[in-house]
Protein backbone atom coordinates (compact mmCIF):
# COMPACT_ATOMS: atom_id res chain seq x y z
CA MET A 1 -137.86 -35.87 -128.35
CA SER A 2 -139.64 -37.32 -131.33
CA GLU A 3 -140.44 -35.33 -134.45
CA ASN A 4 -144.14 -35.47 -133.59
CA ASP A 5 -143.77 -33.83 -130.18
CA GLN A 6 -146.20 -30.95 -129.84
CA SER A 7 -145.79 -27.74 -127.95
CA SER A 8 -147.25 -24.95 -125.83
CA VAL A 9 -145.94 -21.91 -124.02
CA SER A 10 -145.34 -21.39 -120.32
CA ASP A 11 -146.42 -18.26 -118.43
CA ASP A 12 -142.98 -16.70 -118.90
CA GLY A 13 -143.11 -17.22 -122.65
CA TYR A 14 -140.81 -20.23 -122.97
CA ILE A 15 -141.80 -23.18 -125.13
CA ILE A 16 -143.14 -26.40 -123.60
CA LEU A 17 -143.54 -29.30 -126.02
CA ASP A 18 -147.07 -30.53 -125.42
CA SER A 19 -149.67 -28.39 -127.25
CA GLU A 20 -151.98 -28.85 -130.22
CA VAL A 21 -150.70 -28.25 -133.76
CA THR A 22 -152.55 -25.29 -135.29
CA ASP A 23 -153.01 -23.52 -138.61
CA ASP A 24 -154.15 -19.97 -139.30
CA VAL A 25 -152.11 -18.28 -136.60
CA VAL A 26 -149.37 -15.70 -136.23
CA LEU A 27 -146.89 -16.36 -133.42
CA PRO A 28 -144.86 -13.42 -132.08
CA PHE A 29 -141.52 -14.48 -130.61
CA GLN A 30 -138.26 -13.18 -129.22
CA ALA A 31 -134.82 -14.80 -129.38
CA ASP A 32 -133.06 -13.09 -126.49
CA GLY A 33 -129.63 -14.54 -127.09
CA ALA A 34 -129.55 -13.35 -130.70
CA GLY A 35 -131.04 -9.94 -130.02
CA ALA A 36 -133.95 -10.56 -132.38
CA ARG A 37 -137.70 -10.68 -132.39
CA GLY A 38 -140.25 -11.55 -135.01
CA ARG A 39 -143.38 -13.39 -136.05
CA LEU A 40 -144.11 -16.73 -137.67
CA THR A 41 -147.31 -17.46 -139.58
CA ARG A 42 -148.83 -20.72 -140.77
CA LEU A 43 -151.92 -20.39 -142.99
CA GLY A 44 -154.17 -23.22 -144.12
CA THR A 45 -157.90 -22.64 -144.48
CA ALA A 46 -157.46 -18.86 -144.28
CA VAL A 47 -155.31 -18.62 -147.41
CA ASP A 48 -157.14 -21.44 -149.23
CA ASP A 49 -160.54 -19.79 -148.75
CA ILE A 50 -159.30 -16.50 -150.20
CA ILE A 51 -157.65 -18.11 -153.23
CA ALA A 52 -160.54 -20.54 -153.79
CA ALA A 53 -162.94 -17.63 -154.20
CA HIS A 54 -161.18 -16.79 -157.48
CA ASP A 55 -160.45 -18.77 -160.61
CA TYR A 56 -156.84 -17.62 -160.85
CA PRO A 57 -153.97 -19.41 -162.60
CA ASP A 58 -151.61 -21.09 -160.13
CA SER A 59 -148.89 -18.49 -160.73
CA VAL A 60 -151.24 -15.65 -159.75
CA SER A 61 -152.54 -17.61 -156.76
CA ASN A 62 -148.97 -18.17 -155.61
CA TYR A 63 -148.15 -14.46 -155.57
CA LEU A 64 -151.47 -13.64 -153.90
CA GLY A 65 -150.69 -16.29 -151.26
CA GLU A 66 -147.31 -14.72 -150.56
CA ALA A 67 -148.91 -11.29 -150.19
CA ILE A 68 -151.49 -12.75 -147.78
CA ALA A 69 -148.76 -14.32 -145.62
CA LEU A 70 -146.75 -11.07 -145.62
CA THR A 71 -149.81 -9.04 -144.69
CA ALA A 72 -150.59 -11.41 -141.82
CA LEU A 73 -147.03 -11.10 -140.51
CA ILE A 74 -147.13 -7.31 -140.52
CA GLY A 75 -150.79 -6.83 -139.63
CA ALA A 76 -150.54 -8.95 -136.49
CA SER A 77 -148.31 -6.23 -135.00
CA LEU A 78 -151.13 -3.65 -134.98
CA LYS A 79 -151.83 -2.55 -131.41
CA PHE A 80 -155.09 -0.75 -132.18
CA ASP A 81 -158.35 -1.41 -133.98
CA GLY A 82 -157.70 -0.71 -137.61
CA LYS A 83 -156.61 -2.06 -140.96
CA LEU A 84 -153.38 -2.75 -142.82
CA ILE A 85 -153.62 -2.66 -146.60
CA LEU A 86 -150.88 -4.14 -148.78
CA GLN A 87 -151.00 -3.23 -152.46
CA THR A 88 -148.67 -3.82 -155.37
CA LYS A 89 -149.11 -1.75 -158.53
CA THR A 90 -146.93 -2.63 -161.51
CA ASP A 91 -146.67 -2.70 -165.28
CA GLY A 92 -146.29 -6.49 -165.55
CA PRO A 93 -148.67 -9.39 -166.26
CA ILE A 94 -149.85 -9.37 -162.61
CA SER A 95 -150.59 -5.67 -162.44
CA MET A 96 -152.07 -5.43 -158.96
CA ILE A 97 -152.39 -7.39 -155.73
CA VAL A 98 -154.43 -6.10 -152.79
CA VAL A 99 -154.63 -7.71 -149.35
CA ASP A 100 -156.39 -6.32 -146.28
CA TYR A 101 -155.73 -7.27 -142.67
CA THR A 102 -158.41 -6.00 -140.29
CA THR A 103 -157.90 -6.39 -136.55
CA PRO A 104 -158.14 -8.68 -134.72
CA GLY A 105 -157.16 -10.97 -137.61
CA GLU A 106 -159.42 -10.88 -140.68
CA LEU A 107 -157.83 -11.33 -144.11
CA ARG A 108 -159.09 -10.82 -147.64
CA GLY A 109 -157.36 -10.29 -150.98
CA TYR A 110 -157.51 -10.32 -154.77
CA ALA A 111 -155.29 -9.83 -157.82
CA SER A 112 -155.63 -8.16 -161.22
CA PHE A 113 -153.74 -9.64 -164.16
CA ASN A 114 -153.52 -9.97 -167.92
CA LYS A 115 -154.77 -13.46 -168.73
CA ALA A 116 -152.95 -13.76 -172.04
CA ALA A 117 -149.62 -12.52 -170.65
CA VAL A 118 -149.81 -14.83 -167.62
CA ALA A 119 -150.72 -17.81 -169.82
CA ASP A 120 -147.75 -17.03 -172.08
CA LEU A 121 -145.33 -16.95 -169.14
CA GLU A 122 -146.73 -20.22 -167.80
CA ALA A 123 -146.40 -21.84 -171.21
CA GLN A 124 -142.76 -20.74 -171.32
CA GLY A 125 -142.13 -22.19 -167.87
CA VAL A 126 -140.83 -18.86 -166.57
CA GLU A 127 -139.48 -19.20 -163.04
CA HIS A 128 -140.99 -17.57 -159.97
CA GLU A 129 -139.12 -14.28 -160.34
CA LEU A 130 -140.79 -11.03 -159.41
CA GLY A 131 -139.59 -8.94 -162.34
CA SER A 132 -141.02 -11.34 -164.92
CA TRP A 133 -144.45 -11.69 -163.34
CA LEU A 134 -145.12 -8.34 -161.67
CA GLY A 135 -142.79 -6.08 -163.66
CA ARG A 136 -141.76 -2.64 -162.47
CA GLY A 137 -143.69 -0.72 -159.88
CA TYR A 138 -144.10 -0.45 -156.14
CA MET A 139 -145.53 -2.03 -153.02
CA ALA A 140 -147.49 0.22 -150.66
CA LEU A 141 -148.38 -0.52 -147.05
CA THR A 142 -151.18 1.63 -145.65
CA VAL A 143 -152.22 1.72 -142.00
CA ASP A 144 -155.80 2.89 -141.49
CA GLN A 145 -156.77 3.64 -137.87
CA GLY A 146 -160.32 4.71 -138.70
CA PRO A 147 -162.22 7.70 -140.08
CA ASP A 148 -161.01 10.12 -137.42
CA MET A 149 -157.31 9.32 -137.83
CA GLU A 150 -154.87 10.17 -140.60
CA ARG A 151 -153.70 7.26 -142.69
CA TYR A 152 -150.03 6.32 -142.75
CA GLN A 153 -148.54 4.95 -145.96
CA GLY A 154 -145.10 3.66 -146.83
CA ILE A 155 -143.98 2.82 -150.38
CA VAL A 156 -141.08 0.74 -151.63
CA ALA A 157 -139.98 -0.04 -155.20
CA LEU A 158 -140.20 -3.61 -156.43
CA GLU A 159 -136.51 -4.00 -157.18
CA GLN A 160 -135.91 -7.47 -155.74
CA ASP A 161 -136.50 -11.05 -156.88
CA ASN A 162 -139.31 -11.84 -154.44
CA LEU A 163 -141.79 -10.17 -152.09
CA GLY A 164 -139.84 -11.20 -149.00
CA LEU A 165 -136.80 -9.21 -150.12
CA VAL A 166 -139.03 -6.28 -151.08
CA ALA A 167 -140.43 -6.32 -147.53
CA GLU A 168 -136.86 -6.30 -146.15
CA ASP A 169 -136.19 -3.18 -148.23
CA TYR A 170 -139.37 -1.61 -146.86
CA PHE A 171 -138.40 -2.15 -143.21
CA GLN A 172 -134.89 -0.87 -143.83
CA GLN A 173 -136.07 2.27 -145.63
CA SER A 174 -139.13 3.15 -143.55
CA GLU A 175 -138.07 2.04 -140.08
CA GLN A 176 -134.30 1.52 -140.39
CA ILE A 177 -134.70 -1.97 -138.93
CA PRO A 178 -132.60 -4.80 -140.42
CA SER A 179 -135.06 -7.60 -141.20
CA LEU A 180 -135.35 -11.07 -142.68
CA VAL A 181 -138.54 -12.16 -144.42
CA ARG A 182 -139.23 -15.63 -145.80
CA LEU A 183 -142.49 -16.47 -147.61
CA HIS A 184 -143.56 -19.78 -149.11
CA VAL A 185 -146.79 -20.90 -150.78
CA ALA A 186 -147.76 -24.26 -152.25
CA LYS A 187 -150.66 -26.60 -152.88
CA HIS A 188 -151.02 -29.39 -150.33
CA TYR A 189 -152.50 -32.77 -151.25
CA ASN A 190 -154.90 -34.36 -148.82
CA ALA A 191 -155.79 -37.92 -149.75
CA ASP A 192 -158.87 -37.73 -147.54
CA ALA A 193 -160.90 -35.09 -149.33
CA SER A 194 -162.56 -32.66 -146.97
CA SER A 195 -166.24 -31.75 -147.03
CA ASP A 196 -165.64 -29.44 -150.00
CA GLY A 197 -164.63 -32.44 -152.10
CA LYS A 198 -161.20 -31.04 -152.94
CA ASN A 199 -157.94 -32.93 -152.50
CA TRP A 200 -155.66 -29.98 -153.20
CA HIS A 201 -155.59 -27.00 -150.87
CA TRP A 202 -153.38 -23.92 -150.80
CA ARG A 203 -151.08 -23.36 -147.83
CA ALA A 204 -148.80 -20.46 -146.96
CA GLY A 205 -146.17 -19.76 -144.37
CA GLY A 206 -143.97 -16.84 -143.46
CA LEU A 207 -141.19 -15.85 -141.09
CA LEU A 208 -140.28 -12.29 -140.11
CA VAL A 209 -137.14 -11.76 -138.00
CA GLN A 210 -136.02 -8.28 -136.98
CA TYR A 211 -133.13 -6.67 -135.17
CA LEU A 212 -134.34 -6.08 -131.61
CA THR A 213 -134.60 -2.36 -130.90
CA SER A 214 -136.07 -0.17 -128.21
CA GLU A 215 -139.02 2.12 -128.86
CA GLY A 216 -136.65 4.82 -130.06
CA GLY A 217 -135.15 2.55 -132.70
CA ASN A 218 -131.84 2.06 -130.88
CA PRO A 219 -130.37 -1.35 -130.04
CA VAL A 220 -131.65 -2.75 -126.76
CA GLU A 221 -129.16 -3.17 -123.95
CA MET A 222 -127.87 -6.71 -124.22
CA ALA A 223 -126.42 -8.97 -121.56
CA PRO A 224 -122.60 -8.91 -121.39
CA ALA A 225 -122.37 -12.23 -123.20
CA PHE A 226 -124.10 -10.67 -126.22
CA GLU A 227 -122.48 -7.26 -126.48
CA ASP A 228 -121.55 -7.63 -130.12
CA ILE A 229 -124.85 -6.56 -131.64
CA GLU A 230 -123.75 -7.05 -135.25
CA ASP A 231 -122.67 -10.62 -134.54
CA ASP A 232 -125.94 -11.29 -132.75
CA TRP A 233 -128.01 -10.05 -135.70
CA ARG A 234 -125.83 -11.93 -138.18
CA ARG A 235 -126.45 -15.13 -136.23
CA ALA A 236 -130.19 -14.45 -135.98
CA ARG A 237 -130.38 -13.88 -139.74
CA ILE A 238 -128.39 -17.00 -140.61
CA LEU A 239 -130.63 -19.11 -138.40
CA GLY A 240 -133.74 -17.61 -139.98
CA GLU A 241 -132.39 -18.16 -143.47
CA SER A 242 -132.01 -21.86 -142.68
CA VAL A 243 -135.78 -22.36 -142.58
CA GLU A 244 -137.00 -24.54 -145.44
CA ALA A 245 -140.21 -24.19 -147.42
CA HIS A 246 -141.65 -27.48 -146.22
CA GLU A 247 -141.09 -26.44 -142.60
CA LEU A 248 -143.13 -23.28 -143.03
CA LEU A 249 -145.94 -25.22 -144.75
CA ASP A 250 -146.00 -28.61 -142.99
CA PRO A 251 -149.38 -29.08 -141.20
CA GLU A 252 -147.81 -31.79 -139.02
CA LEU A 253 -145.07 -29.52 -137.68
CA ALA A 254 -146.19 -27.33 -134.80
CA PRO A 255 -145.21 -23.70 -135.39
CA GLU A 256 -143.77 -23.60 -131.86
CA ARG A 257 -141.55 -26.56 -132.63
CA LEU A 258 -140.28 -24.85 -135.75
CA LEU A 259 -139.28 -21.82 -133.69
CA LEU A 260 -137.53 -24.14 -131.28
CA ARG A 261 -135.65 -25.78 -134.15
CA LEU A 262 -134.45 -22.41 -135.37
CA TYR A 263 -133.65 -20.58 -132.14
CA HIS A 264 -133.43 -23.13 -129.32
CA GLU A 265 -129.90 -22.02 -128.45
CA GLU A 266 -130.96 -18.37 -128.31
CA GLY A 267 -133.51 -18.60 -125.50
CA VAL A 268 -136.53 -18.33 -127.79
CA ARG A 269 -139.80 -17.18 -126.23
CA ILE A 270 -143.19 -16.90 -127.90
CA TYR A 271 -146.16 -14.78 -126.96
CA ASP A 272 -149.91 -15.09 -127.40
CA LYS A 273 -150.97 -16.45 -130.76
CA VAL A 274 -152.96 -14.21 -133.07
CA PRO A 275 -155.65 -16.26 -134.85
CA VAL A 276 -156.40 -15.23 -138.43
CA VAL A 277 -159.35 -16.02 -140.67
CA ALA A 278 -160.50 -15.30 -144.21
CA ARG A 279 -163.38 -12.86 -143.92
CA CYS A 280 -164.61 -10.18 -146.30
CA SER A 281 -166.17 -7.03 -144.91
CA CYS A 282 -168.65 -6.67 -147.77
CA SER A 283 -172.37 -7.17 -147.17
CA ARG A 284 -175.62 -6.51 -148.97
CA THR A 285 -176.34 -3.65 -146.54
CA ARG A 286 -172.98 -1.99 -147.21
CA VAL A 287 -173.28 -2.30 -150.98
CA GLN A 288 -176.84 -0.97 -150.86
CA GLY A 289 -175.65 1.98 -148.79
CA MET A 290 -172.94 2.71 -151.35
CA LEU A 291 -175.44 2.61 -154.23
CA ALA A 292 -177.81 4.88 -152.31
CA ASN A 293 -175.21 7.64 -152.69
CA PHE A 294 -175.97 7.72 -156.42
CA SER A 295 -179.03 9.38 -157.89
CA ALA A 296 -181.89 7.31 -159.27
CA LYS A 297 -180.84 8.37 -162.77
CA GLU A 298 -177.27 7.20 -162.17
CA ARG A 299 -178.54 3.88 -160.84
CA ASP A 300 -180.73 3.52 -163.95
CA GLU A 301 -177.55 3.74 -166.01
CA MET A 302 -176.05 0.90 -163.94
CA ILE A 303 -178.91 -1.52 -164.68
CA GLU A 304 -177.77 -4.43 -166.81
CA MET A 305 -179.73 -6.51 -169.34
CA ALA A 306 -181.16 -8.66 -166.54
CA GLY A 307 -182.93 -5.57 -165.25
CA LYS A 308 -180.79 -5.49 -162.14
CA ILE A 309 -177.88 -3.53 -160.77
CA ILE A 310 -175.26 -6.23 -160.32
CA VAL A 311 -172.30 -5.61 -158.03
CA THR A 312 -169.52 -8.18 -157.57
CA CYS A 313 -167.08 -7.84 -154.67
CA GLU A 314 -163.53 -8.00 -155.99
CA PHE A 315 -162.28 -9.58 -152.78
CA CYS A 316 -164.67 -12.49 -152.27
CA ASN A 317 -166.57 -12.65 -155.59
CA GLU A 318 -169.93 -12.35 -153.82
CA VAL A 319 -172.58 -11.08 -156.22
CA TYR A 320 -175.29 -8.63 -155.10
CA ASN A 321 -178.40 -7.85 -157.16
CA PHE A 322 -180.51 -4.72 -156.75
CA ASP A 323 -183.29 -2.87 -158.54
CA GLN A 324 -184.70 0.59 -157.95
CA SER A 325 -187.34 -0.73 -155.54
CA ASP A 326 -184.49 -1.50 -153.11
CA PHE A 327 -183.94 2.23 -152.64
CA SER A 328 -186.25 4.68 -150.94
CA SER A 329 -187.70 7.72 -152.63
CA ASP A 330 -185.61 9.79 -150.23
CA ASP A 331 -182.43 8.76 -152.08
CA LYS A 332 -180.65 11.33 -154.21
CA ASP A 333 -182.66 12.59 -157.17
């Protein structure tokens, strides 16, 4: 088969090479022969729209892109209406990254950083190493199932060289599941500028491979030919580690074909794709409702020199302007 063959999935989950190449999806899969399952994500417009909403240095955008890909990989596993929130909090130049995944597949994110410190690291040509850019701290994953449900949060220290390895630590500590996580982010050049007039666009890709367990966390019963679970997982990990950055990012390489490249000898199956999109949940109505919780006196103190209350969403940079006439006299005194 040629390199440009495309692919789809049969009713039983096995790959057929004939479908359309797609971006902005998460593909769940299972490699039966290697006793592994996982998800693959390929992000184009979704990650570019989030990053483009901010005027971040490339180094900050790169880390935000990795966090977006990681959040998509984990968030796509949610089996209920809710939200997954990934947050890093550290003492380094990039002090905080926040990414939300809201079912069925809405992503948003932003970063906080010290401009001078980041510029200094870029001027020095410091490599993409987590400790230098983010410093010491933690990554938290919070699952929010709604106002009537208790939130679940897991925390892991940032003690590795990249976010993928930090995520592996998280799965091992919180779920006792051996995992492999690969994340890659880069700018992609398109000679035919799109309608936005830009030639360079951000792309991100990620691969999550996990030891296949039952609901109770124990190894699934394998066929006789695959009784050595440790060998199966070792093989699954080695195959996953062989994925290259350009393969995760290439818009001309169907995600299904990439899975076939990696696990074709392991009986790879993929399941329904989960589409993802960049979408912020903020709105003028929501922001107005939030401001209505303050008293008129407190809102007076928020008014800026332009005579307006100005609220900027950290996630999408949308700016909302209000004055006191936007609030009823029934608001708090």
